[in-house]
Each structure stands twice: as C-alpha cells, then as structure tokens.
PDB file of N, CA and C in Angstrom:
ATOM      1  N   MET A   1    -135.276  11.679  68.193  1.00  0.00           N
ATOM      2  CA  MET A   1    -136.518  11.622  67.078  1.00  0.00           C
ATOM      3  C   MET A   1    -137.783  11.250  67.521  1.00  0.00           C
ATOM      4  N   PRO A   2    -138.990  11.682  67.096  1.00  0.00           N
ATOM      5  CA  PRO A   2    -140.358  11.367  67.682  1.00  0.00           C
ATOM      6  C   PRO A   2    -140.785   9.938  67.646  1.00  0.00           C
ATOM      7  N   PRO A   3    -141.779   9.450  68.431  1.00  0.00           N
ATOM      8  CA  PRO A   3    -141.752   8.278  68.685  1.00  0.00           C
ATOM      9  C   PRO A   3    -142.477   7.803  67.098  1.00  0.00           C
ATOM     10  N   ILE A   4    -142.101   6.638  66.691  1.00  0.00           N
ATOM     11  CA  ILE A   4    -142.735   5.995  65.370  1.00  0.00           C
ATOM     12  C   ILE A   4    -144.167   6.181  65.210  1.00  0.00           C
ATOM     13  N   ASN A   5    -144.949   5.947  66.137  1.00  0.00           N
ATOM     14  CA  ASN A   5    -146.404   6.229  65.808  1.00  0.00           C
ATOM     15  C   ASN A   5    -146.855   7.532  65.462  1.00  0.00           C
ATOM     16  N   SER A   6    -145.997   8.434  65.707  1.00  0.00           N
ATOM     17  CA  SER A   6    -146.353   9.924  65.347  1.00  0.00           C
ATOM     18  C   SER A   6    -145.920   9.956  63.674  1.00  0.00           C
ATOM     19  N   LEU A   7    -145.125   9.096  63.364  1.00  0.00           N
ATOM     20  CA  LEU A   7    -144.572   8.899  61.869  1.00  0.00           C
ATOM     21  C   LEU A   7    -145.490   8.282  60.961  1.00  0.00           C
ATOM     22  N   GLU A   8    -146.228   7.447  61.196  1.00  0.00           N
ATOM     23  CA  GLU A   8    -146.889   6.526  60.340  1.00  0.00           C
ATOM     24  C   GLU A   8    -147.489   7.183  59.237  1.00  0.00           C
ATOM     25  N   THR A   9    -148.111   8.466  59.155  1.00  0.00           N
ATOM     26  CA  THR A   9    -148.552   8.574  57.885  1.00  0.00           C
ATOM     27  C   THR A   9    -147.914   9.928  57.512  1.00  0.00           C
ATOM     28  N   THR A  10    -148.083  10.112  55.968  1.00  0.00           N
ATOM     29  CA  THR A  10    -147.708  11.321  55.521  1.00  0.00           C
ATOM     30  C   THR A  10    -148.793  12.274  55.691  1.00  0.00           C
ATOM     31  N   PRO A  11    -148.339  13.568  56.428  1.00  0.00           N
ATOM     32  CA  PRO A  11    -149.166  14.629  57.013  1.00  0.00           C
ATOM     33  C   PRO A  11    -149.905  15.404  55.329  1.00  0.00           C
ATOM     34  N   ASP A  12    -151.087  15.876  55.700  1.00  0.00           N
ATOM     35  CA  ASP A  12    -151.482  16.353  54.722  1.00  0.00           C
ATOM     36  C   ASP A  12    -152.095  18.196  55.095  1.00  0.00           C
ATOM     37  N   ALA A  13    -151.463  18.514  56.185  1.00  0.00           N
ATOM     38  CA  ALA A  13    -151.437  19.848  56.721  1.00  0.00           C
ATOM     39  C   ALA A  13    -152.832  20.361  56.629  1.00  0.00           C
ATOM     40  N   GLY A  14    -153.920  19.514  56.513  1.00  0.00           N
ATOM     41  CA  GLY A  14    -155.361  19.813  56.419  1.00  0.00           C
ATOM     42  C   GLY A  14    -155.792  20.283  55.125  1.00  0.00           C
ATOM     43  N   ASP A  15    -154.846  20.258  54.081  1.00  0.00           N
ATOM     44  CA  ASP A  15    -155.128  20.658  52.867  1.00  0.00           C
ATOM     45  C   ASP A  15    -155.857  19.791  52.057  1.00  0.00           C
ATOM     46  N   SER A  16    -157.120  19.311  51.661  1.00  0.00           N
ATOM     47  CA  SER A  16    -157.564  18.192  51.207  1.00  0.00           C
ATOM     48  C   SER A  16    -157.015  18.062  49.447  1.00  0.00           C
ATOM     49  N   ALA A  17    -156.459  19.423  48.979  1.00  0.00           N
ATOM     50  CA  ALA A  17    -155.809  19.075  47.531  1.00  0.00           C
ATOM     51  C   ALA A  17    -154.487  18.521  47.854  1.00  0.00           C
ATOM     52  N   THR A  18    -153.998  18.529  48.886  1.00  0.00           N
ATOM     53  CA  THR A  18    -152.578  17.529  49.105  1.00  0.00           C
ATOM     54  C   THR A  18    -152.895  16.610  49.974  1.00  0.00           C
ATOM     55  N   ALA A  19    -153.396  15.339  49.680  1.00  0.00           N
ATOM     56  CA  ALA A  19    -153.633  14.148  50.307  1.00  0.00           C
ATOM     57  C   ALA A  19    -152.155  13.455  50.366  1.00  0.00           C
ATOM     58  N   PRO A  20    -152.375  12.783  51.434  1.00  0.00           N
ATOM     59  CA  PRO A  20    -150.862  11.907  51.858  1.00  0.00           C
ATOM     60  C   PRO A  20    -150.200  11.389  50.675  1.00  0.00           C
ATOM     61  N   LYS A  21    -150.786  10.544  49.543  1.00  0.00           N
ATOM     62  CA  LYS A  21    -150.089  10.065  48.723  1.00  0.00           C
ATOM     63  C   LYS A  21    -149.757  11.122  47.848  1.00  0.00           C
ATOM     64  N   ALA A  22    -150.465  11.937  47.633  1.00  0.00           N
ATOM     65  CA  ALA A  22    -149.971  13.291  46.657  1.00  0.00           C
ATOM     66  C   ALA A  22    -148.710  13.880  47.323  1.00  0.00           C
ATOM     67  N   ALA A  23    -148.818  14.406  48.565  1.00  0.00           N
ATOM     68  CA  ALA A  23    -147.487  14.930  49.094  1.00  0.00           C
ATOM     69  C   ALA A  23    -146.212  13.960  48.871  1.00  0.00           C
ATOM     70  N   ALA A  24    -146.627  12.695  49.156  1.00  0.00           N
ATOM     71  CA  ALA A  24    -145.238  11.476  49.247  1.00  0.00           C
ATOM     72  C   ALA A  24    -144.847  11.990  47.563  1.00  0.00           C
ATOM     73  N   GLY A  25    -145.757  11.969  46.467  1.00  0.00           N
ATOM     74  CA  GLY A  25    -145.310  11.465  45.406  1.00  0.00           C
ATOM     75  C   GLY A  25    -144.417  13.208  45.008  1.00  0.00           C
ATOM     76  N   MET A  26    -145.152  14.165  45.346  1.00  0.00           N
ATOM     77  CA  MET A  26    -144.498  15.532  45.476  1.00  0.00           C
ATOM     78  C   MET A  26    -142.867  15.469  46.070  1.00  0.00           C
ATOM     79  N   LEU A  27    -142.927  14.972  47.047  1.00  0.00           N
ATOM     80  CA  LEU A  27    -141.566  15.150  47.844  1.00  0.00           C
ATOM     81  C   LEU A  27    -140.621  14.050  46.895  1.00  0.00           C
ATOM     82  N   ALA A  28    -141.047  13.042  46.292  1.00  0.00           N
ATOM     83  CA  ALA A  28    -140.320  12.329  45.324  1.00  0.00           C
ATOM     84  C   ALA A  28    -139.685  12.990  44.183  1.00  0.00           C
ATOM     85  N   ASP A  29    -140.870  13.763  43.698  1.00  0.00           N
ATOM     86  CA  ASP A  29    -140.283  14.487  42.421  1.00  0.00           C
ATOM     87  C   ASP A  29    -139.499  15.321  42.828  1.00  0.00           C
ATOM     88  N   PHE A  30    -139.694  16.218  44.187  1.00  0.00           N
ATOM     89  CA  PHE A  30    -138.564  17.016  44.485  1.00  0.00           C
ATOM     90  C   PHE A  30    -137.175  16.393  44.404  1.00  0.00           C
ATOM     91  N   VAL A  31    -137.083  15.404  45.254  1.00  0.00           N
ATOM     92  CA  VAL A  31    -135.614  14.395  45.214  1.00  0.00           C
ATOM     93  C   VAL A  31    -135.191  14.270  43.736  1.00  0.00           C
ATOM     94  N   GLU A  32    -135.986  13.989  43.141  1.00  0.00           N
ATOM     95  CA  GLU A  32    -135.692  13.693  41.544  1.00  0.00           C
ATOM     96  C   GLU A  32    -135.109  14.873  40.879  1.00  0.00           C
ATOM     97  N   VAL A  33    -135.205  16.220  41.349  1.00  0.00           N
ATOM     98  CA  VAL A  33    -135.112  17.273  40.800  1.00  0.00           C
ATOM     99  C   VAL A  33    -133.468  17.519  41.364  1.00  0.00           C
ATOM    100  N   LEU A  34    -133.327  17.388  42.829  1.00  0.00           N
ATOM    101  CA  LEU A  34    -132.122  17.570  43.430  1.00  0.00           C
ATOM    102  C   LEU A  34    -131.279  16.303  43.055  1.00  0.00           C
ATOM    103  N   LEU A  35    -131.441  15.309  42.522  1.00  0.00           N
ATOM    104  CA  LEU A  35    -130.531  14.156  42.650  1.00  0.00           C
ATOM    105  C   LEU A  35    -130.927  13.299  41.451  1.00  0.00           C
ATOM    106  N   PRO A  36    -130.764  13.899  40.456  1.00  0.00           N
ATOM    107  CA  PRO A  36    -131.574  13.034  39.196  1.00  0.00           C
ATOM    108  C   PRO A  36    -130.756  11.627  38.796  1.00  0.00           C
ATOM    109  N   GLY A  37    -129.576  11.710  39.078  1.00  0.00           N
ATOM    110  CA  GLY A  37    -128.899  10.432  38.633  1.00  0.00           C
ATOM    111  C   GLY A  37    -128.531  10.632  37.083  1.00  0.00           C
ATOM    112  N   ASP A  38    -127.963   9.426  36.751  1.00  0.00           N
ATOM    113  CA  ASP A  38    -127.620   9.220  35.140  1.00  0.00           C
ATOM    114  C   ASP A  38    -127.153   8.060  34.883  1.00  0.00           C
ATOM    115  N   ASP A  39    -126.439   7.702  33.940  1.00  0.00           N
ATOM    116  CA  ASP A  39    -126.281   6.315  33.385  1.00  0.00           C
ATOM    117  C   ASP A  39    -125.416   5.439  34.200  1.00  0.00           C
ATOM    118  N   SER A  40    -124.444   6.154  35.256  1.00  0.00           N
ATOM    119  CA  SER A  40    -123.667   5.272  36.328  1.00  0.00           C
ATOM    120  C   SER A  40    -124.048   5.344  37.608  1.00  0.00           C
ATOM    121  N   TRP A  41    -125.125   6.362  38.003  1.00  0.00           N
ATOM    122  CA  TRP A  41    -125.476   6.524  39.267  1.00  0.00           C
ATOM    123  C   TRP A  41    -127.120   6.453  39.287  1.00  0.00           C
ATOM    124  N   PRO A  42    -127.675   5.974  40.139  1.00  0.00           N
ATOM    125  CA  PRO A  42    -129.190   5.997  40.401  1.00  0.00           C
ATOM    126  C   PRO A  42    -129.831   7.250  40.901  1.00  0.00           C
ATOM    127  N   SER A  43    -130.994   7.762  40.206  1.00  0.00           N
ATOM    128  CA  SER A  43    -131.566   8.832  40.886  1.00  0.00           C
ATOM    129  C   SER A  43    -131.630   8.924  42.626  1.00  0.00           C
ATOM    130  N   GLY A  44    -131.967  10.020  43.326  1.00  0.00           N
ATOM    131  CA  GLY A  44    -132.155   9.784  44.640  1.00  0.00           C
ATOM    132  C   GLY A  44    -133.629   9.307  44.999  1.00  0.00           C
ATOM    133  N   ARG A  45    -134.466   9.459  43.790  1.00  0.00           N
ATOM    134  CA  ARG A  45    -135.695   8.923  43.845  1.00  0.00           C
ATOM    135  C   ARG A  45    -135.826   7.432  43.691  1.00  0.00           C
ATOM    136  N   ALA A  46    -135.033   7.048  43.099  1.00  0.00           N
ATOM    137  CA  ALA A  46    -134.574   5.315  42.688  1.00  0.00           C
ATOM    138  C   ALA A  46    -134.303   4.828  44.251  1.00  0.00           C
ATOM    139  N   VAL A  47    -133.614   5.414  44.997  1.00  0.00           N
ATOM    140  CA  VAL A  47    -132.873   4.702  46.002  1.00  0.00           C
ATOM    141  C   VAL A  47    -133.673   5.075  47.379  1.00  0.00           C
ATOM    142  N   GLY A  48    -134.515   6.125  47.194  1.00  0.00           N
ATOM    143  CA  GLY A  48    -135.590   6.435  48.496  1.00  0.00           C
ATOM    144  C   GLY A  48    -135.263   7.189  49.278  1.00  0.00           C
ATOM    145  N   VAL A  49    -134.428   8.477  48.763  1.00  0.00           N
ATOM    146  CA  VAL A  49    -133.840   9.430  49.456  1.00  0.00           C
ATOM    147  C   VAL A  49    -135.304  10.177  49.901  1.00  0.00           C
ATOM    148  N   GLN A  50    -136.064  10.275  49.220  1.00  0.00           N
ATOM    149  CA  GLN A  50    -137.664  10.735  49.839  1.00  0.00           C
ATOM    150  C   GLN A  50    -137.996  10.548  51.246  1.00  0.00           C
ATOM    151  N   SER A  51    -137.880   9.318  51.734  1.00  0.00           N
ATOM    152  CA  SER A  51    -138.149   8.899  53.040  1.00  0.00           C
ATOM    153  C   SER A  51    -137.405   9.394  54.092  1.00  0.00           C
ATOM    154  N   ILE A  52    -136.062   9.313  53.872  1.00  0.00           N
ATOM    155  CA  ILE A  52    -135.460   9.972  54.702  1.00  0.00           C
ATOM    156  C   ILE A  52    -135.600  11.386  55.029  1.00  0.00           C
ATOM    157  N   LEU A  53    -135.775  12.085  53.809  1.00  0.00           N
ATOM    158  CA  LEU A  53    -136.033  13.549  53.663  1.00  0.00           C
ATOM    159  C   LEU A  53    -137.457  13.773  54.463  1.00  0.00           C
ATOM    160  N   ALA A  54    -138.254  13.091  54.075  1.00  0.00           N
ATOM    161  CA  ALA A  54    -139.875  13.535  54.776  1.00  0.00           C
ATOM    162  C   ALA A  54    -139.290  12.948  56.551  1.00  0.00           C
ATOM    163  N   LEU A  55    -139.196  12.154  56.861  1.00  0.00           N
ATOM    164  CA  LEU A  55    -138.730  11.804  58.295  1.00  0.00           C
ATOM    165  C   LEU A  55    -138.045  13.092  59.031  1.00  0.00           C
ATOM    166  N   ARG A  56    -137.145  13.553  58.209  1.00  0.00           N
ATOM    167  CA  ARG A  56    -136.533  14.678  58.556  1.00  0.00           C
ATOM    168  C   ARG A  56    -137.072  15.908  58.867  1.00  0.00           C
ATOM    169  N   LEU A  57    -137.743  16.383  57.937  1.00  0.00           N
ATOM    170  CA  LEU A  57    -138.905  17.598  57.458  1.00  0.00           C
ATOM    171  C   LEU A  57    -139.729  17.402  58.609  1.00  0.00           C
ATOM    172  N   LEU A  58    -140.912  16.111  59.166  1.00  0.00           N
ATOM    173  CA  LEU A  58    -141.443  16.264  59.679  1.00  0.00           C
ATOM    174  C   LEU A  58    -140.840  16.370  61.510  1.00  0.00           C
ATOM    175  N   GLU A  59    -139.633  15.864  61.611  1.00  0.00           N
ATOM    176  CA  GLU A  59    -139.011  15.960  62.904  1.00  0.00           C
ATOM    177  C   GLU A  59    -138.398  17.078  63.275  1.00  0.00           C
ATOM    178  N   GLN A  60    -137.935  18.002  62.308  1.00  0.00           N
ATOM    179  CA  GLN A  60    -137.166  19.203  62.507  1.00  0.00           C
ATOM    180  C   GLN A  60    -138.173  20.535  62.017  1.00  0.00           C
ATOM    181  N   ARG A  61    -139.049  20.309  61.320  1.00  0.00           N
ATOM    182  CA  ARG A  61    -139.766  21.370  60.602  1.00  0.00           C
ATOM    183  C   ARG A  61    -141.268  21.354  60.841  1.00  0.00           C
ATOM    184  N   GLY A  62    -141.820  20.117  61.084  1.00  0.00           N
ATOM    185  CA  GLY A  62    -143.147  19.890  61.147  1.00  0.00           C
ATOM    186  C   GLY A  62    -144.100  19.692  59.948  1.00  0.00           C
ATOM    187  N   LYS A  63    -145.396  19.373  60.189  1.00  0.00           N
ATOM    188  CA  LYS A  63    -146.217  19.113  58.854  1.00  0.00           C
ATOM    189  C   LYS A  63    -146.528  20.453  57.753  1.00  0.00           C
ATOM    190  N   ALA A  64    -146.571  21.808  58.189  1.00  0.00           N
ATOM    191  CA  ALA A  64    -146.619  22.371  57.517  1.00  0.00           C
ATOM    192  C   ALA A  64    -145.352  22.822  56.447  1.00  0.00           C
ATOM    193  N   ASP A  65    -144.362  22.752  56.750  1.00  0.00           N
ATOM    194  CA  ASP A  65    -143.125  22.881  56.126  1.00  0.00           C
ATOM    195  C   ASP A  65    -143.088  21.494  55.049  1.00  0.00           C
ATOM    196  N   PHE A  66    -143.169  20.338  55.454  1.00  0.00           N
ATOM    197  CA  PHE A  66    -143.309  19.300  54.731  1.00  0.00           C
ATOM    198  C   PHE A  66    -144.162  19.433  53.511  1.00  0.00           C
ATOM    199  N   VAL A  67    -145.357  19.984  53.708  1.00  0.00           N
ATOM    200  CA  VAL A  67    -146.127  20.275  52.518  1.00  0.00           C
ATOM    201  C   VAL A  67    -145.586  21.303  51.574  1.00  0.00           C
ATOM    202  N   LYS A  68    -144.880  22.332  52.129  1.00  0.00           N
ATOM    203  CA  LYS A  68    -144.691  23.533  51.506  1.00  0.00           C
ATOM    204  C   LYS A  68    -143.343  23.049  50.564  1.00  0.00           C
ATOM    205  N   VAL A  69    -142.355  22.150  51.140  1.00  0.00           N
ATOM    206  CA  VAL A  69    -141.181  21.440  50.416  1.00  0.00           C
ATOM    207  C   VAL A  69    -141.662  20.710  49.339  1.00  0.00           C
ATOM    208  N   ALA A  70    -142.721  20.025  49.662  1.00  0.00           N
ATOM    209  CA  ALA A  70    -143.324  19.046  48.565  1.00  0.00           C
ATOM    210  C   ALA A  70    -143.771  19.572  47.430  1.00  0.00           C
ATOM    211  N   GLU A  71    -144.421  20.770  47.763  1.00  0.00           N
ATOM    212  CA  GLU A  71    -145.347  21.429  46.598  1.00  0.00           C
ATOM    213  C   GLU A  71    -144.016  22.463  45.949  1.00  0.00           C
ATOM    214  N   ALA A  72    -143.204  22.913  46.595  1.00  0.00           N
ATOM    215  CA  ALA A  72    -141.992  23.478  45.844  1.00  0.00           C
ATOM    216  C   ALA A  72    -141.350  22.600  45.067  1.00  0.00           C
ATOM    217  N   GLY A  73    -141.280  21.352  45.136  1.00  0.00           N
ATOM    218  CA  GLY A  73    -140.262  20.576  44.477  1.00  0.00           C
ATOM    219  C   GLY A  73    -141.122  20.029  43.117  1.00  0.00           C
ATOM    220  N   SER A  74    -142.558  19.943  43.567  1.00  0.00           N
ATOM    221  CA  SER A  74    -143.191  19.456  42.397  1.00  0.00           C
ATOM    222  C   SER A  74    -143.333  20.529  41.406  1.00  0.00           C
ATOM    223  N   THR A  75    -143.570  21.894  41.809  1.00  0.00           N
ATOM    224  CA  THR A  75    -143.340  23.030  40.878  1.00  0.00           C
ATOM    225  C   THR A  75    -142.177  23.184  40.067  1.00  0.00           C
ATOM    226  N   LYS A  76    -140.770  22.636  40.726  1.00  0.00           N
ATOM    227  CA  LYS A  76    -139.914  23.124  40.168  1.00  0.00           C
ATOM    228  C   LYS A  76    -139.860  21.839  39.114  1.00  0.00           C
ATOM    229  N   ARG A  77    -140.197  20.870  39.334  1.00  0.00           N
ATOM    230  CA  ARG A  77    -140.197  19.572  38.278  1.00  0.00           C
ATOM    231  C   ARG A  77    -140.862  19.840  37.114  1.00  0.00           C
ATOM    232  N   ARG A  78    -142.129  20.758  37.051  1.00  0.00           N
ATOM    233  CA  ARG A  78    -142.775  20.988  35.992  1.00  0.00           C
ATOM    234  C   ARG A  78    -142.370  22.015  35.233  1.00  0.00           C
ATOM    235  N   GLY A  79    -141.132  22.866  35.863  1.00  0.00           N
ATOM    236  CA  GLY A  79    -140.591  23.621  35.035  1.00  0.00           C
ATOM    237  C   GLY A  79    -140.944  25.321  35.634  1.00  0.00           C
ATOM    238  N   SER A  80    -141.963  25.301  36.393  1.00  0.00           N
ATOM    239  CA  SER A  80    -142.475  26.543  36.402  1.00  0.00           C
ATOM    240  C   SER A  80    -141.381  27.510  37.171  1.00  0.00           C
ATOM    241  N   PRO A  81    -141.628  28.718  36.950  1.00  0.00           N
ATOM    242  CA  PRO A  81    -140.739  29.659  37.803  1.00  0.00           C
ATOM    243  C   PRO A  81    -140.945  29.657  39.482  1.00  0.00           C
ATOM    244  N   SER A  82    -140.082  29.618  40.350  1.00  0.00           N
ATOM    245  CA  SER A  82    -140.221  29.651  41.623  1.00  0.00           C
ATOM    246  C   SER A  82    -140.867  30.892  42.275  1.00  0.00           C
TER     247      SER A  82
END
C-alpha cells in the first residue's frame, strides 16, 4: 500500500472540470449504482464503500483511472448510455 501522505487528497487528474470534491461525489454515485440497497440493507454509498474503492483505484490503477471510473459511474447514474 502506498504511504498515507500520497493518498491524502482525491486526485483531479489535471482536469479542472473534475475537481477533487466532484470526483469523490461521482465515485459515490457509482457505488450507489452498483450497490443501491433496499428496505432491509443500506446502500454502498451509505456505508462508505466509495472510500475503499477510491483507495484501491489509486493504489492499483492510478489517478487517471480513478477519474475515468468516477465519470463513468456518474454517467450511469444519470441514465445516459455507456
């Protein structure tokens, strides 16, 4: 696992349209699509799955893929075709 200081911020991959806060929100939206939850089980977003996913993406795939996944998840949540 990379040193903690390299994971202190959400990457923006140099794209001003994808600020750290927006990227984190998009990743949470993606988790909501994958694990929506129901009356008897909380959603992945509600239990914070997006934070573990973010760490794994950064560790294994890097900043560029983090943003790609976050943006793809946001598109899916809006119902746009892939």
